[in-house]
Amino acid sequence: MSDRHNTRRIRNLLAIVISAFFAVVGVAGYQRTSDPMQLMLFLALAVVSLVLVMIVFKGIDKLLDSLDKE
């Protein structure tokens, strides 16, 4: 798979930063409250945000490809 528009680095960095944010918030919240449900919720949000960023950037790549064809 080629990265013709050079979005891979931005996509990966953004996905890691957002996922790490949710993971850190979840761990910090768990340390304060000892509520495992809160930890699981934030870890699930980290995974969902990772997937969401990947989907958004796939759409951006398709949009850029369609602009190149015109």
C-alpha atoms as a PDB file:
ATOM      1  CA  MET A   1       0.000   0.000   0.000  1.00  0.00           C
ATOM      2  CA  SER A   2       1.514   3.296  -1.040  1.00  0.00           C
ATOM      3  CA  ASP A   3       1.323   6.568   0.825  1.00  0.00           C
ATOM      4  CA  ARG A   4       1.078   8.973  -2.107  1.00  0.00           C
ATOM      5  CA  HIS A   5      -0.156  11.900  -0.006  1.00  0.00           C
ATOM      6  CA  ASN A   6       2.257  11.383   2.909  1.00  0.00           C
ATOM      7  CA  THR A   7      -0.516  11.079   5.492  1.00  0.00           C
ATOM      8  CA  ARG A   8       0.754   7.901   7.168  1.00  0.00           C
ATOM      9  CA  ARG A   9       3.059   9.684   9.611  1.00  0.00           C
ATOM     10  CA  ILE A  10       0.368  12.200  10.613  1.00  0.00           C
ATOM     11  CA  ARG A  11      -2.235   9.441  10.940  1.00  0.00           C
ATOM     12  CA  ASN A  12      -0.009   7.282  13.131  1.00  0.00           C
ATOM     13  CA  LEU A  13       1.089  10.164  15.347  1.00  0.00           C
ATOM     14  CA  LEU A  14      -2.454  11.423  15.848  1.00  0.00           C
ATOM     15  CA  ALA A  15      -3.793   7.927  16.562  1.00  0.00           C
ATOM     16  CA  ILE A  16      -1.063   7.248  19.131  1.00  0.00           C
ATOM     17  CA  VAL A  17      -1.491  10.599  20.892  1.00  0.00           C
ATOM     18  CA  ILE A  18      -5.277  10.320  21.181  1.00  0.00           C
ATOM     19  CA  SER A  19      -5.171   6.676  22.281  1.00  0.00           C
ATOM     20  CA  ALA A  20      -2.430   7.375  24.806  1.00  0.00           C
ATOM     21  CA  PHE A  21      -4.477  10.256  26.223  1.00  0.00           C
ATOM     22  CA  PHE A  22      -7.471   8.010  26.884  1.00  0.00           C
ATOM     23  CA  ALA A  23      -5.243   5.280  28.329  1.00  0.00           C
ATOM     24  CA  VAL A  24      -3.505   7.723  30.694  1.00  0.00           C
ATOM     25  CA  VAL A  25      -6.808   9.210  31.826  1.00  0.00           C
ATOM     26  CA  GLY A  26      -8.152   5.714  32.442  1.00  0.00           C
ATOM     27  CA  VAL A  27      -5.135   4.605  34.477  1.00  0.00           C
ATOM     28  CA  ALA A  28      -5.111   7.843  36.493  1.00  0.00           C
ATOM     29  CA  GLY A  29      -8.818   7.499  37.172  1.00  0.00           C
ATOM     30  CA  TYR A  30      -8.389   3.883  38.213  1.00  0.00           C
ATOM     31  CA  GLN A  31      -5.620   4.837  40.641  1.00  0.00           C
ATOM     32  CA  ARG A  32      -7.884   7.427  42.255  1.00  0.00           C
ATOM     33  CA  THR A  33     -11.120   5.430  42.366  1.00  0.00           C
ATOM     34  CA  SER A  34     -10.051   1.758  42.089  1.00  0.00           C
ATOM     35  CA  ASP A  35     -13.002   1.309  39.738  1.00  0.00           C
ATOM     36  CA  PRO A  36     -12.090  -1.304  37.108  1.00  0.00           C
ATOM     37  CA  MET A  37     -15.161  -0.415  35.034  1.00  0.00           C
ATOM     38  CA  GLN A  38     -13.825   3.108  34.543  1.00  0.00           C
ATOM     39  CA  LEU A  39     -10.455   1.726  33.461  1.00  0.00           C
ATOM     40  CA  MET A  40     -12.086  -0.637  30.961  1.00  0.00           C
ATOM     41  CA  LEU A  41     -14.225   2.182  29.569  1.00  0.00           C
ATOM     42  CA  PHE A  42     -11.235   4.421  28.906  1.00  0.00           C
ATOM     43  CA  LEU A  43      -9.165   1.580  27.448  1.00  0.00           C
ATOM     44  CA  ALA A  44     -12.069   0.788  25.123  1.00  0.00           C
ATOM     45  CA  LEU A  45     -12.221   4.481  24.181  1.00  0.00           C
ATOM     46  CA  ALA A  46      -8.503   4.328  23.376  1.00  0.00           C
ATOM     47  CA  VAL A  47      -9.080   1.446  20.961  1.00  0.00           C
ATOM     48  CA  VAL A  48     -12.155   3.065  19.410  1.00  0.00           C
ATOM     49  CA  SER A  49     -10.292   6.349  18.903  1.00  0.00           C
ATOM     50  CA  LEU A  50      -7.440   4.475  17.215  1.00  0.00           C
ATOM     51  CA  VAL A  51      -9.849   2.823  14.784  1.00  0.00           C
ATOM     52  CA  LEU A  52     -11.755   6.074  14.218  1.00  0.00           C
ATOM     53  CA  VAL A  53      -8.587   7.979  13.297  1.00  0.00           C
ATOM     54  CA  MET A  54      -7.635   5.219  10.850  1.00  0.00           C
ATOM     55  CA  ILE A  55     -11.082   5.375   9.211  1.00  0.00           C
ATOM     56  CA  VAL A  56     -11.025   9.178   8.962  1.00  0.00           C
ATOM     57  CA  PHE A  57      -7.603   9.178   7.329  1.00  0.00           C
ATOM     58  CA  LYS A  58      -8.669   6.465   4.901  1.00  0.00           C
ATOM     59  CA  GLY A  59     -11.468   8.801   3.836  1.00  0.00           C
ATOM     60  CA  ILE A  60      -9.059  11.714   3.565  1.00  0.00           C
ATOM     61  CA  ASP A  61      -6.763   9.622   1.353  1.00  0.00           C
ATOM     62  CA  LYS A  62      -9.707   8.683  -0.902  1.00  0.00           C
ATOM     63  CA  LEU A  63     -10.740  12.328  -1.121  1.00  0.00           C
ATOM     64  CA  LEU A  64      -7.205  13.363  -2.072  1.00  0.00           C
ATOM     65  CA  ASP A  65      -7.074  10.560  -4.656  1.00  0.00           C
ATOM     66  CA  SER A  66     -10.319  11.784  -6.226  1.00  0.00           C
ATOM     67  CA  LEU A  67      -8.962  15.333  -6.394  1.00  0.00           C
ATOM     68  CA  ASP A  68      -5.823  14.055  -8.135  1.00  0.00           C
ATOM     69  CA  LYS A  69      -7.902  12.342 -10.841  1.00  0.00           C
ATOM     70  CA  GLU A  70      -9.754  15.542 -11.776  1.00  0.00           C
END
